[in-house]
Amino acid sequence: MSAPESAAPELLAQLKSRVGQELHVSDWLAIDQSRVNAFADATGDHQWIHTQPERATRESPWRTTIAHGYLTLSLYPLLRGIVDADRPPFPGVKTVINYGLNKLRFVNAVKVGARVRGRCTLVDAEEFKGGVQIVEQFTVEIDGESKPACVAEVIMRLYV
């Protein structure tokens, strides 16, 4: 009995045909103080610009608390829709693994109370043993702001 053929070449061809195209735009997500505080607790980063609203109102250039840059980046799986089992971003893919980043910039602060959304454009797709590796440009937009919060080149591995 021969081994089943890999689905990677078909997936690779589909993805290669979409390089340069926008693959996903998320719904808006409100960033509240409880989310920022939970991130501070998880990371130990309790810097006052994130966790002390009264002080931030008085002393911060934003006049309010702001989300951690890495909190904004960590929203990638949620904003990308990777964690929604009912709507898989890549049908037929068994596992999606975050593999790393090529570039990352925190362009603008996300004020607590703002809404953000993710916009993903496919930059590259290539085969590797067991699947397809893709690079997406992930841009986190802030509702009402001209500059995004975050722009990153995210690398994901799709296992078929």
Protein backbone atom coordinates (compact mmCIF):
# COMPACT_ATOMS: atom_id res chain seq x y z
CA MET A 1 0.00 0.00 0.00
CA SER A 2 1.40 3.40 -0.94
CA ALA A 3 1.35 6.45 1.28
CA PRO A 4 -1.40 8.98 0.58
CA GLU A 5 -0.40 11.96 -1.53
CA SER A 6 0.22 15.17 0.35
CA ALA A 7 -2.37 17.90 0.05
CA ALA A 8 0.44 20.46 0.41
CA PRO A 9 1.00 21.00 -3.36
CA GLU A 10 -2.68 21.83 -3.89
CA LEU A 11 -2.77 24.14 -0.86
CA LEU A 12 0.49 25.73 -1.97
CA ALA A 13 -0.88 26.42 -5.45
CA GLN A 14 -4.05 27.96 -3.98
CA LEU A 15 -2.06 30.19 -1.67
CA LYS A 16 0.55 31.19 -4.28
CA SER A 17 -2.30 32.44 -6.48
CA ARG A 18 -3.35 34.77 -3.63
CA VAL A 19 0.02 36.32 -2.80
CA GLY A 20 -0.45 40.07 -2.53
CA GLN A 21 -4.15 39.74 -1.74
CA GLU A 22 -5.95 40.58 1.44
CA LEU A 23 -7.03 37.31 3.07
CA HIS A 24 -8.87 38.52 6.15
CA VAL A 25 -10.33 41.57 7.88
CA SER A 26 -11.64 41.02 11.40
CA ASP A 27 -14.53 42.58 13.23
CA TRP A 28 -13.74 45.46 15.57
CA LEU A 29 -12.64 44.53 19.09
CA ALA A 30 -12.89 46.93 22.03
CA ILE A 31 -9.80 47.17 24.22
CA ASP A 32 -10.91 47.67 27.81
CA GLN A 33 -8.94 48.15 31.02
CA SER A 34 -9.72 44.63 32.24
CA ARG A 35 -8.02 43.11 29.17
CA VAL A 36 -4.97 45.35 29.69
CA ASN A 37 -4.84 44.45 33.40
CA ALA A 38 -5.12 40.72 32.64
CA PHE A 39 -2.21 41.04 30.19
CA ALA A 40 -0.20 42.94 32.82
CA ASP A 41 -0.88 40.14 35.30
CA ALA A 42 0.12 37.47 32.77
CA THR A 43 3.39 39.18 31.83
CA GLY A 44 4.31 41.01 35.02
CA ASP A 45 4.42 44.32 33.11
CA HIS A 46 2.46 46.63 35.41
CA GLN A 47 3.96 49.87 34.09
CA TRP A 48 1.65 52.73 35.11
CA ILE A 49 0.92 53.84 31.53
CA HIS A 50 -0.98 50.54 31.18
CA THR A 51 -2.50 49.92 34.60
CA GLN A 52 -3.02 53.20 36.46
CA PRO A 53 -5.85 55.18 34.78
CA GLU A 54 -5.78 58.08 37.26
CA ARG A 55 -2.04 58.64 36.92
CA ALA A 56 -2.19 58.17 33.14
CA THR A 57 -4.89 60.86 32.93
CA ARG A 58 -2.56 63.28 34.72
CA GLU A 59 0.87 62.32 33.37
CA SER A 60 0.66 60.34 30.14
CA PRO A 61 0.88 62.05 26.75
CA TRP A 62 -2.23 60.07 25.77
CA ARG A 63 -4.18 61.23 28.85
CA THR A 64 -5.38 57.67 29.42
CA THR A 65 -3.95 54.20 29.82
CA ILE A 66 -2.74 52.38 26.73
CA ALA A 67 -2.53 48.72 25.76
CA HIS A 68 0.85 47.04 25.84
CA GLY A 69 2.36 46.74 22.37
CA TYR A 70 2.75 43.02 22.90
CA LEU A 71 -0.89 42.77 23.93
CA THR A 72 -1.80 44.26 20.57
CA LEU A 73 0.45 41.76 18.80
CA SER A 74 -0.90 38.86 20.89
CA LEU A 75 -4.38 39.49 19.48
CA TYR A 76 -3.20 38.07 16.13
CA PRO A 77 -4.80 34.60 16.55
CA LEU A 78 -8.10 36.12 17.66
CA LEU A 79 -8.22 38.90 15.07
CA ARG A 80 -6.97 36.55 12.33
CA GLY A 81 -9.76 34.08 13.07
CA ILE A 82 -7.40 31.17 13.66
CA VAL A 83 -9.14 30.20 16.90
CA ASP A 84 -12.68 29.97 15.45
CA ALA A 85 -13.30 26.23 14.94
CA ASP A 86 -16.53 26.95 13.07
CA ARG A 87 -14.77 29.06 10.43
CA PRO A 88 -11.28 27.68 9.79
CA PRO A 89 -9.10 30.12 7.84
CA PHE A 90 -7.57 27.30 5.80
CA PRO A 91 -10.07 24.47 5.20
CA GLY A 92 -8.42 21.05 5.15
CA VAL A 93 -5.47 22.18 7.26
CA LYS A 94 -5.10 20.06 10.40
CA THR A 95 -2.93 22.41 12.45
CA VAL A 96 -1.85 26.04 12.25
CA ILE A 97 1.30 26.95 14.17
CA ASN A 98 2.66 30.44 14.79
CA TYR A 99 6.26 30.12 13.64
CA GLY A 100 7.59 33.62 14.24
CA LEU A 101 7.94 37.12 12.90
CA ASN A 102 10.09 38.72 10.24
CA LYS A 103 9.33 42.35 11.04
CA LEU A 104 7.41 44.09 13.79
CA ARG A 105 6.65 47.74 14.43
CA PHE A 106 4.41 49.34 17.04
CA VAL A 107 3.40 52.44 15.10
CA ASN A 108 0.71 53.95 17.32
CA ALA A 109 -0.57 53.52 20.88
CA VAL A 110 -3.92 51.83 21.48
CA LYS A 111 -5.77 53.86 24.09
CA VAL A 112 -7.95 51.92 26.50
CA GLY A 113 -11.49 52.23 25.20
CA ALA A 114 -10.43 52.18 21.53
CA ARG A 115 -11.53 49.56 19.04
CA VAL A 116 -9.04 47.64 16.91
CA ARG A 117 -9.28 45.25 14.00
CA GLY A 118 -6.83 43.07 12.13
CA ARG A 119 -6.17 43.17 8.40
CA CYS A 120 -4.09 40.35 6.86
CA THR A 121 -2.45 40.28 3.44
CA LEU A 122 -0.61 37.23 2.10
CA VAL A 123 3.05 38.06 1.43
CA ASP A 124 4.51 34.62 0.61
CA ALA A 125 3.79 30.89 0.57
CA GLU A 126 6.27 28.04 0.30
CA GLU A 127 6.20 24.31 0.88
CA PHE A 128 8.06 22.59 3.68
CA LYS A 129 8.01 18.95 4.74
CA GLY A 130 4.54 18.31 6.09
CA GLY A 131 2.83 21.48 4.95
CA VAL A 132 2.96 25.04 3.75
CA GLN A 133 4.62 28.02 5.39
CA ILE A 134 3.02 31.39 4.82
CA VAL A 135 3.97 34.95 5.63
CA GLU A 136 1.19 37.44 6.24
CA GLN A 137 1.35 41.16 6.83
CA PHE A 138 -0.78 41.72 9.92
CA THR A 139 -1.92 45.30 10.41
CA VAL A 140 -3.84 46.30 13.52
CA GLU A 141 -6.00 49.30 12.72
CA ILE A 142 -7.42 51.64 15.36
CA ASP A 143 -10.94 52.89 14.76
CA GLY A 144 -10.78 56.61 13.93
CA GLU A 145 -6.97 56.76 13.71
CA SER A 146 -4.97 57.25 10.50
CA LYS A 147 -1.90 55.33 11.75
CA PRO A 148 -2.17 51.64 12.66
CA ALA A 149 -1.22 50.31 16.07
CA CYS A 150 0.97 47.51 14.83
CA VAL A 151 2.36 46.15 11.58
CA ALA A 152 4.00 42.73 11.60
CA GLU A 153 5.10 40.07 9.15
CA VAL A 154 3.78 36.91 10.76
CA ILE A 155 5.03 33.46 9.75
CA MET A 156 2.64 30.53 10.11
CA ARG A 157 3.06 26.87 9.32
CA LEU A 158 0.04 25.03 7.99
CA TYR A 159 0.15 21.27 8.49
CA VAL A 160 -1.99 19.21 6.12
